[in-house]
Amino acid sequence: MPNAAVQIQQPILRQLETSWHNDVVIMVRDRLPKVAVVLLFLFILQRIIKFFIGRMERVAKDSTTHVARAAQLRTMATIIRGTVYSILGFLAFLQILNLLNFNYGPLLASAGILGVGIGIGAQSLFKDIINGVFIFIEDQYNVGETIKIASVTGTVEDLTLRLTRLRDADGTLYIIPNSQVATVSNLSRDFAVASLSIVVDASADTARVLKLLKKIAQDVATEEALKHAVMTDPSVAGIDNINGRALTYSISARVAIAQKDEVLRALRTRIIDTFKRERIPLGIDPANMLLEKAVAPDPTAPPPQHPLISA
């Protein structure tokens, strides 16, 4: 009996050996060259992507004046690297399955059905990501800039492909999906306009007020600490509004974004000091307010005529 079992096992082992030998020959002769060509093509793609990502990282490293833009370039480089490497890894995995003669058709069909279901349930997520990509590419706004989106005005604290984090002047943090970013008002690009309205009582000489305001604006524009902030000569147009005895004058100038508040503070301080020294009333002077007074009757005036009352 043992000899019969050994005689039965030997043909089976020879068939397995022959089958494995044939599979190895087919793999080396037919599949392995194709897989090698595909892997070589994927390697070339990986080197090309690595070259462009390296360029982006070098530009971000050399960009010392635009820190926020450099951070965005690094973020984009990381996202592109992760996405492309994932795709290339997935393609390499499929080639390995093909090398092992694994039928991955049903697996891909199942994954496709699952992907359709996930896509239907995550349409807003994909819309966020797509809109975020365009925000990055078009450079609509950067971290640290003051913008107005979705009826909210604030400073951008963080920007990803899906979300924009915005903090307003009260310290409230708003988390806005990028799909809701339809219209962007960027308040931090190129320059800002520093506008200041001054209300003066009508008793002050108009020509004198205008002369003083022009001198104050020019002094602020040429001040050592602010001369680099003021980009154009300040403009004092004249009287913008009349409200009773209140006359409104305005000063405006194109200034650097980050120094708008400093220029306005300097203008306010100089205006208050100068007008106080020159005795020009800001606002409405209470001494000039019109008050109703009781008028004493004139003894020389004729008596008032009263209508006759008939009996």
Protein backbone atom coordinates (compact mmCIF):
# COMPACT_ATOMS: atom_id res chain seq x y z
CA MET A 1 0.00 0.00 0.00
CA PRO A 2 2.70 2.58 0.84
CA ASN A 3 4.40 1.86 -2.47
CA ALA A 4 1.09 2.42 -4.32
CA ALA A 5 0.59 5.80 -2.58
CA VAL A 6 4.11 6.87 -3.53
CA GLN A 7 3.50 5.84 -7.12
CA ILE A 8 0.30 7.97 -7.20
CA GLN A 9 1.99 11.04 -5.64
CA GLN A 10 4.94 11.06 -8.05
CA PRO A 11 2.84 11.84 -11.19
CA ILE A 12 1.01 14.57 -9.28
CA LEU A 13 4.28 16.18 -8.21
CA ARG A 14 5.63 15.94 -11.76
CA GLN A 15 2.45 17.63 -13.09
CA LEU A 16 2.77 20.42 -10.52
CA GLU A 17 6.45 20.86 -11.36
CA THR A 18 5.66 20.99 -15.07
CA SER A 19 2.80 23.43 -14.50
CA TRP A 20 4.97 25.76 -12.36
CA HIS A 21 7.76 25.55 -14.90
CA ASN A 22 5.41 26.49 -17.72
CA ASP A 23 3.97 29.38 -15.68
CA VAL A 24 7.44 30.72 -14.90
CA VAL A 25 8.46 30.48 -18.56
CA ILE A 26 5.29 32.28 -19.69
CA MET A 27 5.77 34.96 -17.05
CA VAL A 28 9.41 35.60 -17.92
CA ARG A 29 8.85 35.42 -21.66
CA ASP A 30 5.53 37.22 -22.06
CA ARG A 31 4.47 39.18 -18.97
CA LEU A 32 7.72 40.33 -17.37
CA PRO A 33 8.94 42.43 -20.35
CA LYS A 34 5.58 44.19 -20.56
CA VAL A 35 5.58 44.89 -16.84
CA ALA A 36 9.16 46.14 -17.06
CA VAL A 37 8.23 48.57 -19.85
CA VAL A 38 5.24 49.86 -17.87
CA LEU A 39 7.29 50.25 -14.68
CA LEU A 40 10.00 52.08 -16.66
CA PHE A 41 7.36 54.44 -18.05
CA LEU A 42 5.98 55.03 -14.54
CA PHE A 43 9.51 55.70 -13.27
CA ILE A 44 10.06 58.32 -15.99
CA LEU A 45 6.77 59.98 -15.06
CA GLN A 46 7.80 59.95 -11.41
CA ARG A 47 11.10 61.68 -12.23
CA ILE A 48 9.33 64.34 -14.31
CA ILE A 49 6.84 65.06 -11.52
CA LYS A 50 9.67 65.14 -9.00
CA PHE A 51 11.52 67.70 -11.15
CA PHE A 52 8.53 70.07 -11.30
CA ILE A 53 7.78 69.63 -7.61
CA GLY A 54 11.41 70.42 -6.83
CA ARG A 55 11.11 73.61 -8.90
CA MET A 56 8.02 74.65 -6.94
CA GLU A 57 9.75 74.01 -3.63
CA ARG A 58 12.81 76.03 -4.71
CA VAL A 59 10.62 78.95 -5.78
CA ALA A 60 8.83 78.78 -2.43
CA LYS A 61 12.16 78.70 -0.59
CA ASP A 62 13.54 81.68 -2.53
CA SER A 63 10.34 83.73 -2.09
CA THR A 64 11.25 85.67 1.05
CA THR A 65 8.98 88.66 0.39
CA HIS A 66 5.74 86.70 -0.13
CA VAL A 67 5.67 84.34 2.84
CA ALA A 68 2.01 83.38 2.44
CA ARG A 69 2.45 82.61 -1.27
CA ALA A 70 5.51 80.49 -0.49
CA ALA A 71 3.46 78.50 2.03
CA GLN A 72 0.81 77.92 -0.62
CA LEU A 73 3.40 76.72 -3.13
CA ARG A 74 4.72 74.23 -0.59
CA THR A 75 1.16 73.07 0.09
CA MET A 76 0.48 72.59 -3.62
CA ALA A 77 3.76 70.71 -4.06
CA THR A 78 2.81 68.34 -1.23
CA ILE A 79 -0.68 67.77 -2.65
CA ILE A 80 0.59 67.13 -6.19
CA ARG A 81 3.30 64.78 -4.93
CA GLY A 82 0.86 62.74 -2.84
CA THR A 83 -1.78 62.56 -5.59
CA VAL A 84 0.60 61.60 -8.41
CA TYR A 85 2.51 59.08 -6.32
CA SER A 86 -0.77 57.46 -5.27
CA ILE A 87 -1.86 57.12 -8.90
CA LEU A 88 1.50 55.72 -9.96
CA GLY A 89 1.48 53.30 -7.01
CA PHE A 90 -2.00 52.11 -7.95
CA LEU A 91 -0.93 51.50 -11.56
CA ALA A 92 2.15 49.60 -10.37
CA PHE A 93 -0.08 47.48 -8.10
CA LEU A 94 -2.29 46.56 -11.07
CA GLN A 95 0.75 45.49 -13.08
CA ILE A 96 1.91 43.27 -10.22
CA LEU A 97 -1.53 41.67 -10.12
CA ASN A 98 -1.27 41.12 -13.86
CA LEU A 99 2.16 39.57 -13.34
CA LEU A 100 0.67 37.12 -10.86
CA ASN A 101 -2.13 36.34 -13.37
CA PHE A 102 -4.71 37.64 -10.92
CA ASN A 103 -8.07 38.52 -12.50
CA TYR A 104 -8.75 41.96 -11.05
CA GLY A 105 -11.64 42.75 -13.40
CA PRO A 106 -14.39 41.95 -10.82
CA LEU A 107 -12.41 43.90 -8.20
CA LEU A 108 -12.31 47.00 -10.42
CA ALA A 109 -16.02 46.63 -11.22
CA SER A 110 -16.85 46.51 -7.52
CA ALA A 111 -14.59 49.47 -6.84
CA GLY A 112 -16.27 51.38 -9.68
CA ILE A 113 -19.74 50.80 -8.22
CA LEU A 114 -18.49 51.83 -4.78
CA GLY A 115 -16.86 54.92 -6.29
CA VAL A 116 -20.13 55.95 -7.95
CA GLY A 117 -21.94 55.68 -4.63
CA ILE A 118 -19.27 57.67 -2.82
CA GLY A 119 -19.24 60.28 -5.59
CA ILE A 120 -22.99 60.82 -5.34
CA GLY A 121 -22.75 61.25 -1.58
CA ALA A 122 -19.68 63.50 -1.72
CA GLN A 123 -20.51 65.93 -4.51
CA SER A 124 -20.04 68.94 -2.24
CA LEU A 125 -16.64 67.60 -1.14
CA PHE A 126 -15.44 67.34 -4.73
CA LYS A 127 -16.83 70.78 -5.46
CA ASP A 128 -14.90 72.15 -2.46
CA ILE A 129 -11.67 70.58 -3.71
CA ILE A 130 -12.11 71.72 -7.31
CA ASN A 131 -12.88 75.28 -6.23
CA GLY A 132 -9.92 75.17 -3.84
CA VAL A 133 -7.62 74.18 -6.69
CA PHE A 134 -8.75 77.22 -8.69
CA ILE A 135 -8.27 79.47 -5.65
CA PHE A 136 -4.66 78.27 -5.45
CA ILE A 137 -3.97 78.45 -9.18
CA GLU A 138 -5.59 81.85 -9.75
CA ASP A 139 -4.07 83.27 -6.55
CA GLN A 140 -7.39 84.76 -5.46
CA TYR A 141 -6.21 85.25 -1.88
CA ASN A 142 -3.44 84.11 0.44
CA VAL A 143 -2.96 83.42 4.12
CA GLY A 144 -2.70 86.68 6.07
CA GLU A 145 -4.76 88.77 3.63
CA THR A 146 -7.99 90.53 4.54
CA ILE A 147 -10.87 89.45 2.33
CA LYS A 148 -14.65 89.41 2.16
CA ILE A 149 -16.35 86.17 1.17
CA ALA A 150 -19.79 84.73 1.93
CA SER A 151 -20.79 88.09 3.55
CA VAL A 152 -17.94 87.73 6.07
CA THR A 153 -14.94 90.06 6.28
CA GLY A 154 -11.78 88.97 8.05
CA THR A 155 -8.18 87.81 7.83
CA VAL A 156 -7.36 84.45 6.23
CA GLU A 157 -5.75 82.25 8.89
CA ASP A 158 -5.64 78.99 6.96
CA LEU A 159 -6.34 77.87 3.41
CA THR A 160 -6.67 74.27 2.20
CA LEU A 161 -8.19 72.66 -0.84
CA ARG A 162 -11.47 72.19 1.04
CA LEU A 163 -11.75 74.98 3.60
CA THR A 164 -10.94 78.64 4.20
CA ARG A 165 -10.57 79.74 7.82
CA LEU A 166 -11.39 83.41 8.32
CA ARG A 167 -11.13 85.46 11.53
CA ASP A 168 -12.97 88.77 11.78
CA ALA A 169 -12.14 91.87 13.83
CA ASP A 170 -14.06 90.53 16.85
CA GLY A 171 -11.94 87.39 16.95
CA THR A 172 -14.65 85.07 15.64
CA LEU A 173 -13.30 82.23 13.51
CA TYR A 174 -15.36 81.35 10.42
CA ILE A 175 -14.80 78.03 8.63
CA ILE A 176 -16.08 78.39 5.06
CA PRO A 177 -16.16 75.52 2.51
CA ASN A 178 -14.49 76.55 -0.72
CA SER A 179 -17.63 75.65 -2.67
CA GLN A 180 -19.34 78.68 -1.07
CA VAL A 181 -16.65 81.08 -2.31
CA ALA A 182 -18.42 82.70 -5.24
CA THR A 183 -17.30 86.35 -5.11
CA VAL A 184 -14.06 87.39 -3.41
CA SER A 185 -13.33 90.95 -2.30
CA ASN A 186 -9.60 91.09 -1.57
CA LEU A 187 -8.81 94.08 0.65
CA SER A 188 -5.08 93.40 0.80
CA ARG A 189 -3.89 93.55 -2.78
CA ASP A 190 -1.57 96.18 -4.28
CA PHE A 191 -2.69 99.18 -2.22
CA ALA A 192 -5.34 100.57 0.12
CA VAL A 193 -7.08 103.94 0.20
CA ALA A 194 -6.85 105.77 3.53
CA SER A 195 -9.93 107.99 3.74
CA LEU A 196 -10.70 110.31 6.63
CA SER A 197 -13.74 112.59 7.10
CA ILE A 198 -13.44 115.70 9.30
CA VAL A 199 -16.51 117.58 10.55
CA VAL A 200 -15.91 121.30 11.21
CA ASP A 201 -18.29 123.99 12.39
CA ALA A 202 -19.45 126.42 9.71
CA SER A 203 -18.05 129.39 11.70
CA ALA A 204 -14.51 128.40 10.66
CA ASP A 205 -13.07 130.00 7.53
CA THR A 206 -13.33 127.45 4.72
CA ALA A 207 -10.16 128.53 2.90
CA ARG A 208 -8.17 128.42 6.14
CA VAL A 209 -9.47 124.93 6.99
CA LEU A 210 -8.57 123.59 3.55
CA LYS A 211 -5.10 125.14 3.76
CA LEU A 212 -4.47 123.55 7.16
CA LEU A 213 -5.74 120.13 6.04
CA LYS A 214 -3.49 120.15 2.96
CA LYS A 215 -0.48 121.08 5.10
CA ILE A 216 -1.27 118.37 7.65
CA ALA A 217 -1.68 115.74 4.92
CA GLN A 218 1.59 116.76 3.28
CA ASP A 219 3.44 116.67 6.61
CA VAL A 220 2.19 113.14 7.29
CA ALA A 221 3.15 112.01 3.76
CA THR A 222 6.71 113.32 4.22
CA GLU A 223 7.15 112.06 7.79
CA GLU A 224 10.18 109.83 8.09
CA ALA A 225 8.28 106.88 9.56
CA LEU A 226 5.44 107.05 7.01
CA LYS A 227 6.92 108.39 3.77
CA HIS A 228 7.35 104.85 2.42
CA ALA A 229 3.75 103.98 3.34
CA VAL A 230 2.09 106.85 1.43
CA MET A 231 2.20 105.91 -2.26
CA THR A 232 0.55 109.06 -3.71
CA ASP A 233 0.14 112.66 -2.56
CA PRO A 234 -2.88 113.01 -0.25
CA SER A 235 -5.93 114.66 -1.76
CA VAL A 236 -8.07 117.27 0.02
CA ALA A 237 -10.96 117.84 -2.36
CA GLY A 238 -13.01 120.30 -0.33
CA ILE A 239 -16.39 120.20 1.39
CA ASP A 240 -18.12 116.87 0.81
CA ASN A 241 -21.26 117.38 2.84
CA ILE A 242 -23.27 120.11 4.60
CA ASN A 243 -25.53 119.15 7.48
CA GLY A 244 -26.82 122.31 9.12
CA ARG A 245 -23.76 123.99 10.62
CA ALA A 246 -21.63 120.84 10.22
CA LEU A 247 -19.32 120.90 7.21
CA THR A 248 -17.60 117.64 6.24
CA TYR A 249 -14.11 117.74 4.70
CA SER A 250 -12.28 114.64 3.47
CA ILE A 251 -8.68 113.52 3.05
CA SER A 252 -7.75 110.49 0.95
CA ALA A 253 -4.46 108.92 -0.07
CA ARG A 254 -3.26 105.68 -1.63
CA VAL A 255 -1.15 103.85 0.95
CA ALA A 256 0.54 100.51 1.50
CA ILE A 257 -1.76 97.76 2.68
CA ALA A 258 -0.18 97.03 6.04
CA GLN A 259 0.24 100.68 7.08
CA LYS A 260 -3.21 102.10 6.40
CA ASP A 261 -4.13 102.31 10.08
CA GLU A 262 -0.83 103.99 10.98
CA VAL A 263 -1.38 106.71 8.38
CA LEU A 264 -4.94 107.34 9.59
CA ARG A 265 -3.81 107.54 13.24
CA ALA A 266 -1.11 110.06 12.32
CA LEU A 267 -3.65 112.18 10.41
CA ARG A 268 -6.13 112.19 13.30
CA THR A 269 -3.49 113.14 15.84
CA ARG A 270 -2.13 116.03 13.77
CA ILE A 271 -5.60 117.32 12.92
CA ILE A 272 -6.69 117.41 16.56
CA ASP A 273 -3.48 119.12 17.72
CA THR A 274 -3.45 121.65 14.87
CA PHE A 275 -7.14 122.56 15.09
CA LYS A 276 -6.89 122.94 18.84
CA ARG A 277 -3.91 125.25 18.45
CA GLU A 278 -5.59 127.27 15.69
CA ARG A 279 -8.90 127.40 17.60
CA ILE A 280 -10.91 125.74 14.83
CA PRO A 281 -13.96 123.94 16.26
CA LEU A 282 -14.29 120.30 15.30
CA GLY A 283 -17.87 119.19 15.00
CA ILE A 284 -20.50 121.80 15.96
CA ASP A 285 -19.58 124.63 18.33
CA PRO A 286 -22.23 124.78 21.11
CA ALA A 287 -21.84 128.58 21.25
CA ASN A 288 -23.11 128.82 17.68
CA MET A 289 -26.12 126.60 18.10
CA LEU A 290 -29.41 128.35 17.33
CA LEU A 291 -31.60 128.48 20.40
CA GLU A 292 -35.15 129.72 20.61
CA LYS A 293 -35.34 132.80 22.82
CA ALA A 294 -38.33 134.67 24.12
CA VAL A 295 -38.49 138.13 22.47
CA ALA A 296 -39.75 141.05 24.63
CA PRO A 297 -42.58 143.11 23.04
CA ASP A 298 -41.60 146.42 21.44
CA PRO A 299 -43.44 149.31 23.18
CA THR A 300 -43.38 151.38 19.96
CA ALA A 301 -44.96 148.67 17.91
CA PRO A 302 -48.66 149.05 17.10
CA PRO A 303 -51.02 146.88 19.09
CA PRO A 304 -51.90 143.57 17.52
CA GLN A 305 -55.12 143.47 15.57
CA HIS A 306 -57.68 141.14 17.07
CA PRO A 307 -60.55 139.88 14.99
CA LEU A 308 -63.94 141.31 15.83
CA ILE A 309 -66.18 138.92 17.62
CA SER A 310 -69.81 139.38 16.69
CA ALA A 311 -72.45 138.80 19.28
